[in-house]
Amino acid sequence: MSNPDVPTREGQPDLAVQERTRTAHPRMHRVLLHNDDYTTMEYVVDVLMRHFGRTEPEALKIMLQVHHRGVGVAGVYTRDEAETRAAEVMNEARGRGFPLRLSTEPE
């Protein structure tokens, strides 16, 4: 017997269907740059501009924060995007002989 309050699809048994009212936004993650004694400041500024779309003044400010505080936020992205950018930058830095380290953390 069919329940009139439960939506049905033609040719299928009665299915209880609950519609979502909102779509959840993905959790965002920060990409963090960590200070080291070997990576040049110029290279860090270059990375921030090329990989994270920062302007030169923004990149300089972040680079100085990394230099003085030990860590700085390069950008905020979805988890996959943050992890991909961090991995790409570290691979590039290793190829150029720099031990630059990046990590990600939830916002």
PDB file of N, CA and C in Angstrom:
ATOM      1  N   MET A   1       0.844  -1.171   0.000  1.00  0.00           N
ATOM      2  CA  MET A   1       0.000   0.000   0.000  1.00  0.00           C
ATOM      3  C   MET A   1       0.890   1.236   0.000  1.00  0.00           C
ATOM      4  N   SER A   2       0.577   2.188  -0.793  1.00  0.00           N
ATOM      5  CA  SER A   2       1.374   3.385  -0.976  1.00  0.00           C
ATOM      6  C   SER A   2       0.959   4.457   0.014  1.00  0.00           C
ATOM      7  N   ASN A   3       1.955   5.136   0.588  1.00  0.00           N
ATOM      8  CA  ASN A   3       1.700   6.232   1.515  1.00  0.00           C
ATOM      9  C   ASN A   3       1.636   7.516   0.700  1.00  0.00           C
ATOM     10  N   PRO A   4       0.560   8.272   0.741  1.00  0.00           N
ATOM     11  CA  PRO A   4       0.453   9.472  -0.082  1.00  0.00           C
ATOM     12  C   PRO A   4       1.410  10.587   0.340  1.00  0.00           C
ATOM     13  N   ASP A   5       1.978  10.514   1.555  1.00  0.00           N
ATOM     14  CA  ASP A   5       2.899  11.546   2.030  1.00  0.00           C
ATOM     15  C   ASP A   5       4.335  11.319   1.576  1.00  0.00           C
ATOM     16  N   VAL A   6       4.633  10.134   1.029  1.00  0.00           N
ATOM     17  CA  VAL A   6       5.987   9.798   0.605  1.00  0.00           C
ATOM     18  C   VAL A   6       6.057   9.895  -0.917  1.00  0.00           C
ATOM     19  N   PRO A   7       6.988  10.721  -1.443  1.00  0.00           N
ATOM     20  CA  PRO A   7       7.093  10.827  -2.905  1.00  0.00           C
ATOM     21  C   PRO A   7       7.525   9.501  -3.520  1.00  0.00           C
ATOM     22  N   THR A   8       7.021   9.200  -4.715  1.00  0.00           N
ATOM     23  CA  THR A   8       7.399   7.969  -5.414  1.00  0.00           C
ATOM     24  C   THR A   8       7.900   8.313  -6.800  1.00  0.00           C
ATOM     25  N   ARG A   9       8.648   7.384  -7.366  1.00  0.00           N
ATOM     26  CA  ARG A   9       9.090   7.501  -8.755  1.00  0.00           C
ATOM     27  C   ARG A   9       8.362   6.428  -9.547  1.00  0.00           C
ATOM     28  N   GLU A  10       8.039   6.761 -10.741  1.00  0.00           N
ATOM     29  CA  GLU A  10       7.313   5.833 -11.581  1.00  0.00           C
ATOM     30  C   GLU A  10       8.116   4.548 -11.773  1.00  0.00           C
ATOM     31  N   GLY A  11       7.502   3.410 -11.519  1.00  0.00           N
ATOM     32  CA  GLY A  11       8.158   2.129 -11.732  1.00  0.00           C
ATOM     33  C   GLY A  11       9.082   1.696 -10.611  1.00  0.00           C
ATOM     34  N   GLN A  12       9.195   2.465  -9.526  1.00  0.00           N
ATOM     35  CA  GLN A  12      10.069   2.105  -8.408  1.00  0.00           C
ATOM     36  C   GLN A  12       9.229   1.984  -7.147  1.00  0.00           C
ATOM     37  N   PRO A  13       9.711   1.204  -6.197  1.00  0.00           N
ATOM     38  CA  PRO A  13       8.973   1.110  -4.938  1.00  0.00           C
ATOM     39  C   PRO A  13       9.010   2.450  -4.203  1.00  0.00           C
ATOM     40  N   ASP A  14       8.150   2.588  -3.223  1.00  0.00           N
ATOM     41  CA  ASP A  14       8.103   3.816  -2.425  1.00  0.00           C
ATOM     42  C   ASP A  14       9.453   4.071  -1.779  1.00  0.00           C
ATOM     43  N   LEU A  15       9.972   5.284  -1.945  1.00  0.00           N
ATOM     44  CA  LEU A  15      11.245   5.672  -1.360  1.00  0.00           C
ATOM     45  C   LEU A  15      11.018   6.916  -0.511  1.00  0.00           C
ATOM     46  N   ALA A  16      11.590   6.930   0.665  1.00  0.00           N
ATOM     47  CA  ALA A  16      11.544   8.139   1.481  1.00  0.00           C
ATOM     48  C   ALA A  16      12.654   9.052   0.992  1.00  0.00           C
ATOM     49  N   VAL A  17      12.313  10.256   0.590  1.00  0.00           N
ATOM     50  CA  VAL A  17      13.279  11.191   0.037  1.00  0.00           C
ATOM     51  C   VAL A  17      13.272  12.447   0.887  1.00  0.00           C
ATOM     52  N   GLN A  18      14.461  12.827   1.318  1.00  0.00           N
ATOM     53  CA  GLN A  18      14.588  14.056   2.082  1.00  0.00           C
ATOM     54  C   GLN A  18      15.469  15.001   1.288  1.00  0.00           C
ATOM     55  N   GLU A  19      14.948  16.187   1.002  1.00  0.00           N
ATOM     56  CA  GLU A  19      15.693  17.147   0.213  1.00  0.00           C
ATOM     57  C   GLU A  19      16.594  17.977   1.110  1.00  0.00           C
ATOM     58  N   ARG A  20      17.760  18.314   0.581  1.00  0.00           N
ATOM     59  CA  ARG A  20      18.668  19.201   1.309  1.00  0.00           C
ATOM     60  C   ARG A  20      18.178  20.628   1.136  1.00  0.00           C
ATOM     61  N   THR A  21      18.295  21.360   2.193  1.00  0.00           N
ATOM     62  CA  THR A  21      17.896  22.760   2.088  1.00  0.00           C
ATOM     63  C   THR A  21      19.075  23.639   1.727  1.00  0.00           C
ATOM     64  N   ARG A  22      20.302  23.240   2.110  1.00  0.00           N
ATOM     65  CA  ARG A  22      21.505  24.013   1.793  1.00  0.00           C
ATOM     66  C   ARG A  22      22.650  23.074   1.468  1.00  0.00           C
ATOM     67  N   THR A  23      23.544  23.553   0.644  1.00  0.00           N
ATOM     68  CA  THR A  23      24.768  22.814   0.350  1.00  0.00           C
ATOM     69  C   THR A  23      25.865  23.346   1.267  1.00  0.00           C
ATOM     70  N   ALA A  24      26.560  22.445   1.919  1.00  0.00           N
ATOM     71  CA  ALA A  24      27.635  22.858   2.829  1.00  0.00           C
ATOM     72  C   ALA A  24      28.845  23.321   2.028  1.00  0.00           C
ATOM     73  N   HIS A  25      29.482  24.382   2.471  1.00  0.00           N
ATOM     74  CA  HIS A  25      30.698  24.872   1.838  1.00  0.00           C
ATOM     75  C   HIS A  25      31.879  24.046   2.331  1.00  0.00           C
ATOM     76  N   PRO A  26      32.872  23.795   1.461  1.00  0.00           N
ATOM     77  CA  PRO A  26      34.030  23.007   1.907  1.00  0.00           C
ATOM     78  C   PRO A  26      34.835  23.774   2.951  1.00  0.00           C
ATOM     79  N   ARG A  27      35.442  23.032   3.856  1.00  0.00           N
ATOM     80  CA  ARG A  27      36.288  23.634   4.877  1.00  0.00           C
ATOM     81  C   ARG A  27      37.556  24.156   4.214  1.00  0.00           C
ATOM     82  N   MET A  28      37.958  25.348   4.570  1.00  0.00           N
ATOM     83  CA  MET A  28      39.127  25.970   3.954  1.00  0.00           C
ATOM     84  C   MET A  28      40.387  25.653   4.765  1.00  0.00           C
ATOM     85  N   HIS A  29      41.526  25.638   4.064  1.00  0.00           N
ATOM     86  CA  HIS A  29      42.819  25.338   4.687  1.00  0.00           C
ATOM     87  C   HIS A  29      43.829  26.432   4.339  1.00  0.00           C
ATOM     88  N   ARG A  30      44.656  26.763   5.312  1.00  0.00           N
ATOM     89  CA  ARG A  30      45.731  27.742   5.106  1.00  0.00           C
ATOM     90  C   ARG A  30      46.974  27.026   4.585  1.00  0.00           C
ATOM     91  N   VAL A  31      47.676  27.668   3.671  1.00  0.00           N
ATOM     92  CA  VAL A  31      48.995  27.195   3.251  1.00  0.00           C
ATOM     93  C   VAL A  31      49.995  28.043   4.018  1.00  0.00           C
ATOM     94  N   LEU A  32      50.826  27.386   4.822  1.00  0.00           N
ATOM     95  CA  LEU A  32      51.795  28.081   5.670  1.00  0.00           C
ATOM     96  C   LEU A  32      53.206  27.923   5.123  1.00  0.00           C
ATOM     97  N   LEU A  33      53.931  29.014   5.095  1.00  0.00           N
ATOM     98  CA  LEU A  33      55.352  29.009   4.755  1.00  0.00           C
ATOM     99  C   LEU A  33      56.134  29.023   6.059  1.00  0.00           C
ATOM    100  N   HIS A  34      57.172  28.199   6.144  1.00  0.00           N
ATOM    101  CA  HIS A  34      57.983  28.118   7.360  1.00  0.00           C
ATOM    102  C   HIS A  34      59.379  28.671   7.090  1.00  0.00           C
ATOM    103  N   ASN A  35      59.920  29.364   8.072  1.00  0.00           N
ATOM    104  CA  ASN A  35      61.243  29.973   7.945  1.00  0.00           C
ATOM    105  C   ASN A  35      62.343  28.914   7.965  1.00  0.00           C
ATOM    106  N   ASP A  36      63.380  29.166   7.214  1.00  0.00           N
ATOM    107  CA  ASP A  36      64.607  28.364   7.286  1.00  0.00           C
ATOM    108  C   ASP A  36      65.776  29.308   7.046  1.00  0.00           C
ATOM    109  N   ASP A  37      66.986  28.826   7.281  1.00  0.00           N
ATOM    110  CA  ASP A  37      68.168  29.677   7.176  1.00  0.00           C
ATOM    111  C   ASP A  37      68.806  29.688   5.790  1.00  0.00           C
ATOM    112  N   TYR A  38      68.201  28.988   4.807  1.00  0.00           N
ATOM    113  CA  TYR A  38      68.867  28.831   3.521  1.00  0.00           C
ATOM    114  C   TYR A  38      68.085  29.397   2.338  1.00  0.00           C
ATOM    115  N   THR A  39      66.770  29.345   2.383  1.00  0.00           N
ATOM    116  CA  THR A  39      65.961  29.850   1.266  1.00  0.00           C
ATOM    117  C   THR A  39      66.046  31.368   1.244  1.00  0.00           C
ATOM    118  N   THR A  40      66.351  31.913   0.078  1.00  0.00           N
ATOM    119  CA  THR A  40      66.521  33.364  -0.012  1.00  0.00           C
ATOM    120  C   THR A  40      65.171  34.082   0.080  1.00  0.00           C
ATOM    121  N   MET A  41      65.227  35.291   0.594  1.00  0.00           N
ATOM    122  CA  MET A  41      64.017  36.104   0.704  1.00  0.00           C
ATOM    123  C   MET A  41      63.451  36.408  -0.681  1.00  0.00           C
ATOM    124  N   GLU A  42      64.335  36.611  -1.645  1.00  0.00           N
ATOM    125  CA  GLU A  42      63.900  36.908  -3.006  1.00  0.00           C
ATOM    126  C   GLU A  42      63.116  35.734  -3.589  1.00  0.00           C
ATOM    127  N   TYR A  43      63.578  34.516  -3.298  1.00  0.00           N
ATOM    128  CA  TYR A  43      62.876  33.335  -3.814  1.00  0.00           C
ATOM    129  C   TYR A  43      61.495  33.204  -3.165  1.00  0.00           C
ATOM    130  N   VAL A  44      61.394  33.472  -1.888  1.00  0.00           N
ATOM    131  CA  VAL A  44      60.106  33.390  -1.190  1.00  0.00           C
ATOM    132  C   VAL A  44      59.125  34.404  -1.789  1.00  0.00           C
ATOM    133  N   VAL A  45      59.585  35.624  -2.031  1.00  0.00           N
ATOM    134  CA  VAL A  45      58.733  36.647  -2.648  1.00  0.00           C
ATOM    135  C   VAL A  45      58.290  36.173  -4.032  1.00  0.00           C
ATOM    136  N   ASP A  46      59.211  35.617  -4.812  1.00  0.00           N
ATOM    137  CA  ASP A  46      58.895  35.112  -6.143  1.00  0.00           C
ATOM    138  C   ASP A  46      57.838  34.006  -6.083  1.00  0.00           C
ATOM    139  N   VAL A  47      57.980  33.079  -5.147  1.00  0.00           N
ATOM    140  CA  VAL A  47      57.021  31.984  -4.980  1.00  0.00           C
ATOM    141  C   VAL A  47      55.634  32.534  -4.631  1.00  0.00           C
ATOM    142  N   LEU A  48      55.598  33.479  -3.719  1.00  0.00           N
ATOM    143  CA  LEU A  48      54.308  34.058  -3.317  1.00  0.00           C
ATOM    144  C   LEU A  48      53.609  34.749  -4.483  1.00  0.00           C
ATOM    145  N   MET A  49      54.372  35.391  -5.331  1.00  0.00           N
ATOM    146  CA  MET A  49      53.781  36.083  -6.475  1.00  0.00           C
ATOM    147  C   MET A  49      53.342  35.096  -7.567  1.00  0.00           C
ATOM    148  N   ARG A  50      54.188  34.113  -7.878  1.00  0.00           N
ATOM    149  CA  ARG A  50      53.879  33.184  -8.975  1.00  0.00           C
ATOM    150  C   ARG A  50      52.850  32.120  -8.607  1.00  0.00           C
ATOM    151  N   HIS A  51      52.990  31.525  -7.421  1.00  0.00           N
ATOM    152  CA  HIS A  51      52.130  30.391  -7.048  1.00  0.00           C
ATOM    153  C   HIS A  51      50.889  30.791  -6.258  1.00  0.00           C
ATOM    154  N   PHE A  52      50.934  31.942  -5.612  1.00  0.00           N
ATOM    155  CA  PHE A  52      49.820  32.321  -4.747  1.00  0.00           C
ATOM    156  C   PHE A  52      49.156  33.627  -5.171  1.00  0.00           C
ATOM    157  N   GLY A  53      49.584  34.180  -6.312  1.00  0.00           N
ATOM    158  CA  GLY A  53      48.937  35.350  -6.870  1.00  0.00           C
ATOM    159  C   GLY A  53      49.033  36.613  -6.033  1.00  0.00           C
ATOM    160  N   ARG A  54      50.076  36.716  -5.237  1.00  0.00           N
ATOM    161  CA  ARG A  54      50.260  37.898  -4.392  1.00  0.00           C
ATOM    162  C   ARG A  54      50.928  39.020  -5.180  1.00  0.00           C
ATOM    163  N   THR A  55      50.577  40.250  -4.829  1.00  0.00           N
ATOM    164  CA  THR A  55      51.276  41.396  -5.399  1.00  0.00           C
ATOM    165  C   THR A  55      52.634  41.485  -4.717  1.00  0.00           C
ATOM    166  N   GLU A  56      53.532  42.273  -5.280  1.00  0.00           N
ATOM    167  CA  GLU A  56      54.863  42.391  -4.688  1.00  0.00           C
ATOM    168  C   GLU A  56      54.808  42.935  -3.254  1.00  0.00           C
ATOM    169  N   PRO A  57      54.026  43.995  -2.970  1.00  0.00           N
ATOM    170  CA  PRO A  57      53.960  44.470  -1.581  1.00  0.00           C
ATOM    171  C   PRO A  57      53.382  43.416  -0.617  1.00  0.00           C
ATOM    172  N   GLU A  58      52.365  42.667  -1.066  1.00  0.00           N
ATOM    173  CA  GLU A  58      51.810  41.602  -0.218  1.00  0.00           C
ATOM    174  C   GLU A  58      52.857  40.521   0.029  1.00  0.00           C
ATOM    175  N   ALA A  59      53.562  40.133  -1.028  1.00  0.00           N
ATOM    176  CA  ALA A  59      54.578  39.083  -0.917  1.00  0.00           C
ATOM    177  C   ALA A  59      55.700  39.516   0.019  1.00  0.00           C
ATOM    178  N   LEU A  60      56.123  40.768  -0.071  1.00  0.00           N
ATOM    179  CA  LEU A  60      57.166  41.270   0.830  1.00  0.00           C
ATOM    180  C   LEU A  60      56.703  41.228   2.289  1.00  0.00           C
ATOM    181  N   LYS A  61      55.466  41.628   2.520  1.00  0.00           N
ATOM    182  CA  LYS A  61      54.926  41.625   3.881  1.00  0.00           C
ATOM    183  C   LYS A  61      54.875  40.205   4.456  1.00  0.00           C
ATOM    184  N   ILE A  62      54.400  39.250   3.651  1.00  0.00           N
ATOM    185  CA  ILE A  62      54.332  37.856   4.108  1.00  0.00           C
ATOM    186  C   ILE A  62      55.734  37.304   4.334  1.00  0.00           C
ATOM    187  N   MET A  63      56.661  37.594   3.415  1.00  0.00           N
ATOM    188  CA  MET A  63      58.042  37.110   3.560  1.00  0.00           C
ATOM    189  C   MET A  63      58.667  37.625   4.851  1.00  0.00           C
ATOM    190  N   LEU A  64      58.427  38.901   5.179  1.00  0.00           N
ATOM    191  CA  LEU A  64      58.975  39.459   6.418  1.00  0.00           C
ATOM    192  C   LEU A  64      58.325  38.830   7.644  1.00  0.00           C
ATOM    193  N   GLN A  65      57.047  38.519   7.551  1.00  0.00           N
ATOM    194  CA  GLN A  65      56.375  37.836   8.652  1.00  0.00           C
ATOM    195  C   GLN A  65      56.994  36.453   8.865  1.00  0.00           C
ATOM    196  N   VAL A  66      57.250  35.741   7.781  1.00  0.00           N
ATOM    197  CA  VAL A  66      57.896  34.426   7.883  1.00  0.00           C
ATOM    198  C   VAL A  66      59.278  34.580   8.497  1.00  0.00           C
ATOM    199  N   HIS A  67      60.020  35.577   8.060  1.00  0.00           N
ATOM    200  CA  HIS A  67      61.383  35.799   8.546  1.00  0.00           C
ATOM    201  C   HIS A  67      61.408  36.137  10.040  1.00  0.00           C
ATOM    202  N   HIS A  68      60.492  36.975  10.489  1.00  0.00           N
ATOM    203  CA  HIS A  68      60.510  37.429  11.882  1.00  0.00           C
ATOM    204  C   HIS A  68      59.742  36.528  12.840  1.00  0.00           C
ATOM    205  N   ARG A  69      58.649  35.940  12.385  1.00  0.00           N
ATOM    206  CA  ARG A  69      57.803  35.129  13.270  1.00  0.00           C
ATOM    207  C   ARG A  69      57.976  33.630  13.077  1.00  0.00           C
ATOM    208  N   GLY A  70      58.628  33.254  11.982  1.00  0.00           N
ATOM    209  CA  GLY A  70      58.872  31.835  11.746  1.00  0.00           C
ATOM    210  C   GLY A  70      57.847  31.174  10.842  1.00  0.00           C
ATOM    211  N   VAL A  71      56.700  31.811  10.632  1.00  0.00           N
ATOM    212  CA  VAL A  71      55.655  31.229   9.790  1.00  0.00           C
ATOM    213  C   VAL A  71      54.768  32.356   9.255  1.00  0.00           C
ATOM    214  N   GLY A  72      54.214  32.132   8.061  1.00  0.00           N
ATOM    215  CA  GLY A  72      53.304  33.099   7.463  1.00  0.00           C
ATOM    216  C   GLY A  72      52.307  32.395   6.562  1.00  0.00           C
ATOM    217  N   VAL A  73      51.153  32.998   6.368  1.00  0.00           N
ATOM    218  CA  VAL A  73      50.096  32.412   5.545  1.00  0.00           C
ATOM    219  C   VAL A  73      50.255  32.874   4.097  1.00  0.00           C
ATOM    220  N   ALA A  74      50.475  31.910   3.212  1.00  0.00           N
ATOM    221  CA  ALA A  74      50.619  32.218   1.787  1.00  0.00           C
ATOM    222  C   ALA A  74      49.254  32.384   1.127  1.00  0.00           C
ATOM    223  N   GLY A  75      48.261  31.613   1.568  1.00  0.00           N
ATOM    224  CA  GLY A  75      46.923  31.692   0.990  1.00  0.00           C
ATOM    225  C   GLY A  75      45.979  30.740   1.682  1.00  0.00           C
ATOM    226  N   VAL A  76      44.698  30.861   1.352  1.00  0.00           N
ATOM    227  CA  VAL A  76      43.650  30.018   1.930  1.00  0.00           C
ATOM    228  C   VAL A  76      42.855  29.410   0.776  1.00  0.00           C
ATOM    229  N   TYR A  77      42.753  28.076   0.794  1.00  0.00           N
ATOM    230  CA  TYR A  77      42.135  27.334  -0.308  1.00  0.00           C
ATOM    231  C   TYR A  77      41.380  26.134   0.248  1.00  0.00           C
ATOM    232  N   THR A  78      40.664  25.435  -0.643  1.00  0.00           N
ATOM    233  CA  THR A  78      40.089  24.155  -0.244  1.00  0.00           C
ATOM    234  C   THR A  78      41.239  23.207   0.073  1.00  0.00           C
ATOM    235  N   ARG A  79      40.952  22.135   0.772  1.00  0.00           N
ATOM    236  CA  ARG A  79      42.026  21.231   1.214  1.00  0.00           C
ATOM    237  C   ARG A  79      42.867  20.704   0.052  1.00  0.00           C
ATOM    238  N   ASP A  80      42.212  20.212  -0.990  1.00  0.00           N
ATOM    239  CA  ASP A  80      42.963  19.656  -2.127  1.00  0.00           C
ATOM    240  C   ASP A  80      43.833  20.706  -2.804  1.00  0.00           C
ATOM    241  N   GLU A  81      43.273  21.892  -2.990  1.00  0.00           N
ATOM    242  CA  GLU A  81      44.034  22.971  -3.630  1.00  0.00           C
ATOM    243  C   GLU A  81      45.218  23.379  -2.759  1.00  0.00           C
ATOM    244  N   ALA A  82      45.007  23.502  -1.452  1.00  0.00           N
ATOM    245  CA  ALA A  82      46.086  23.891  -0.539  1.00  0.00           C
ATOM    246  C   ALA A  82      47.209  22.859  -0.553  1.00  0.00           C
ATOM    247  N   GLU A  83      46.853  21.576  -0.469  1.00  0.00           N
ATOM    248  CA  GLU A  83      47.873  20.524  -0.455  1.00  0.00           C
ATOM    249  C   GLU A  83      48.622  20.454  -1.787  1.00  0.00           C
ATOM    250  N   THR A  84      47.916  20.661  -2.879  1.00  0.00           N
ATOM    251  CA  THR A  84      48.555  20.636  -4.201  1.00  0.00           C
ATOM    252  C   THR A  84      49.545  21.782  -4.347  1.00  0.00           C
ATOM    253  N   ARG A  85      49.123  22.983  -3.974  1.00  0.00           N
ATOM    254  CA  ARG A  85      50.024  24.139  -4.090  1.00  0.00           C
ATOM    255  C   ARG A  85      51.260  23.961  -3.204  1.00  0.00           C
ATOM    256  N   ALA A  86      51.060  23.497  -1.980  1.00  0.00           N
ATOM    257  CA  ALA A  86      52.194  23.291  -1.072  1.00  0.00           C
ATOM    258  C   ALA A  86      53.174  22.275  -1.656  1.00  0.00           C
ATOM    259  N   ALA A  87      52.664  21.175  -2.181  1.00  0.00           N
ATOM    260  CA  ALA A  87      53.533  20.133  -2.755  1.00  0.00           C
ATOM    261  C   ALA A  87      54.277  20.660  -3.983  1.00  0.00           C
ATOM    262  N   GLU A  88      53.589  21.392  -4.850  1.00  0.00           N
ATOM    263  CA  GLU A  88      54.237  21.931  -6.058  1.00  0.00           C
ATOM    264  C   GLU A  88      55.370  22.885  -5.703  1.00  0.00           C
ATOM    265  N   VAL A  89      55.121  23.763  -4.738  1.00  0.00           N
ATOM    266  CA  VAL A  89      56.147  24.734  -4.354  1.00  0.00           C
ATOM    267  C   VAL A  89      57.340  24.031  -3.719  1.00  0.00           C
ATOM    268  N   MET A  90      57.090  23.056  -2.846  1.00  0.00           N
ATOM    269  CA  MET A  90      58.215  22.352  -2.215  1.00  0.00           C
ATOM    270  C   MET A  90      59.025  21.582  -3.244  1.00  0.00           C
ATOM    271  N   ASN A  91      58.357  20.963  -4.218  1.00  0.00           N
ATOM    272  CA  ASN A  91      59.092  20.247  -5.277  1.00  0.00           C
ATOM    273  C   ASN A  91      59.937  21.203  -6.099  1.00  0.00           C
ATOM    274  N   GLU A  92      59.381  22.349  -6.440  1.00  0.00           N
ATOM    275  CA  GLU A  92      60.143  23.334  -7.193  1.00  0.00           C
ATOM    276  C   GLU A  92      61.338  23.837  -6.380  1.00  0.00           C
ATOM    277  N   ALA A  93      61.115  24.126  -5.102  1.00  0.00           N
ATOM    278  CA  ALA A  93      62.190  24.629  -4.240  1.00  0.00           C
ATOM    279  C   ALA A  93      63.312  23.604  -4.119  1.00  0.00           C
ATOM    280  N   ARG A  94      62.963  22.337  -3.965  1.00  0.00           N
ATOM    281  CA  ARG A  94      63.985  21.283  -3.865  1.00  0.00           C
ATOM    282  C   ARG A  94      64.812  21.232  -5.143  1.00  0.00           C
ATOM    283  N   GLY A  95      64.134  21.392  -6.271  1.00  0.00           N
ATOM    284  CA  GLY A  95      64.832  21.385  -7.559  1.00  0.00           C
ATOM    285  C   GLY A  95      65.810  22.539  -7.696  1.00  0.00           C
ATOM    286  N   ARG A  96      65.565  23.624  -6.985  1.00  0.00           N
ATOM    287  CA  ARG A  96      66.462  24.786  -7.015  1.00  0.00           C
ATOM    288  C   ARG A  96      67.441  24.790  -5.841  1.00  0.00           C
ATOM    289  N   GLY A  97      67.401  23.729  -5.032  1.00  0.00           N
ATOM    290  CA  GLY A  97      68.353  23.598  -3.929  1.00  0.00           C
ATOM    291  C   GLY A  97      67.946  24.307  -2.640  1.00  0.00           C
ATOM    292  N   PHE A  98      66.677  24.674  -2.504  1.00  0.00           N
ATOM    293  CA  PHE A  98      66.205  25.333  -1.283  1.00  0.00           C
ATOM    294  C   PHE A  98      65.383  24.358  -0.441  1.00  0.00           C
ATOM    295  N   PRO A  99      65.554  24.389   0.879  1.00  0.00           N
ATOM    296  CA  PRO A  99      64.786  23.498   1.747  1.00  0.00           C
ATOM    297  C   PRO A  99      63.452  24.106   2.202  1.00  0.00           C
ATOM    298  N   LEU A 100      62.871  24.976   1.394  1.00  0.00           N
ATOM    299  CA  LEU A 100      61.627  25.651   1.757  1.00  0.00           C
ATOM    300  C   LEU A 100      60.563  24.630   2.142  1.00  0.00           C
ATOM    301  N   ARG A 101      59.908  24.872   3.279  1.00  0.00           N
ATOM    302  CA  ARG A 101      58.885  23.959   3.775  1.00  0.00           C
ATOM    303  C   ARG A 101      57.551  24.677   3.856  1.00  0.00           C
ATOM    304  N   LEU A 102      56.515  24.037   3.353  1.00  0.00           N
ATOM    305  CA  LEU A 102      55.158  24.539   3.449  1.00  0.00           C
ATOM    306  C   LEU A 102      54.300  23.467   4.103  1.00  0.00           C
ATOM    307  N   SER A 103      53.272  23.887   4.794  1.00  0.00           N
ATOM    308  CA  SER A 103      52.328  22.947   5.375  1.00  0.00           C
ATOM    309  C   SER A 103      50.931  23.527   5.218  1.00  0.00           C
ATOM    310  N   THR A 104      49.922  22.702   5.491  1.00  0.00           N
ATOM    311  CA  THR A 104      48.551  23.170   5.435  1.00  0.00           C
ATOM    312  C   THR A 104      47.884  22.882   6.775  1.00  0.00           C
ATOM    313  N   GLU A 105      46.893  23.703   7.116  1.00  0.00           N
ATOM    314  CA  GLU A 105      46.119  23.478   8.332  1.00  0.00           C
ATOM    315  C   GLU A 105      44.710  24.006   8.103  1.00  0.00           C
ATOM    316  N   PRO A 106      43.722  23.391   8.736  1.00  0.00           N
ATOM    317  CA  PRO A 106      42.347  23.884   8.591  1.00  0.00           C
ATOM    318  C   PRO A 106      42.225  25.287   9.177  1.00  0.00           C
ATOM    319  N   GLU A 107      41.332  26.062   8.589  1.00  0.00           N
ATOM    320  CA  GLU A 107      41.101  27.415   9.083  1.00  0.00           C
ATOM    321  C   GLU A 107      40.247  27.390  10.329  1.00  0.00           C
TER     322      GLU A 107
END
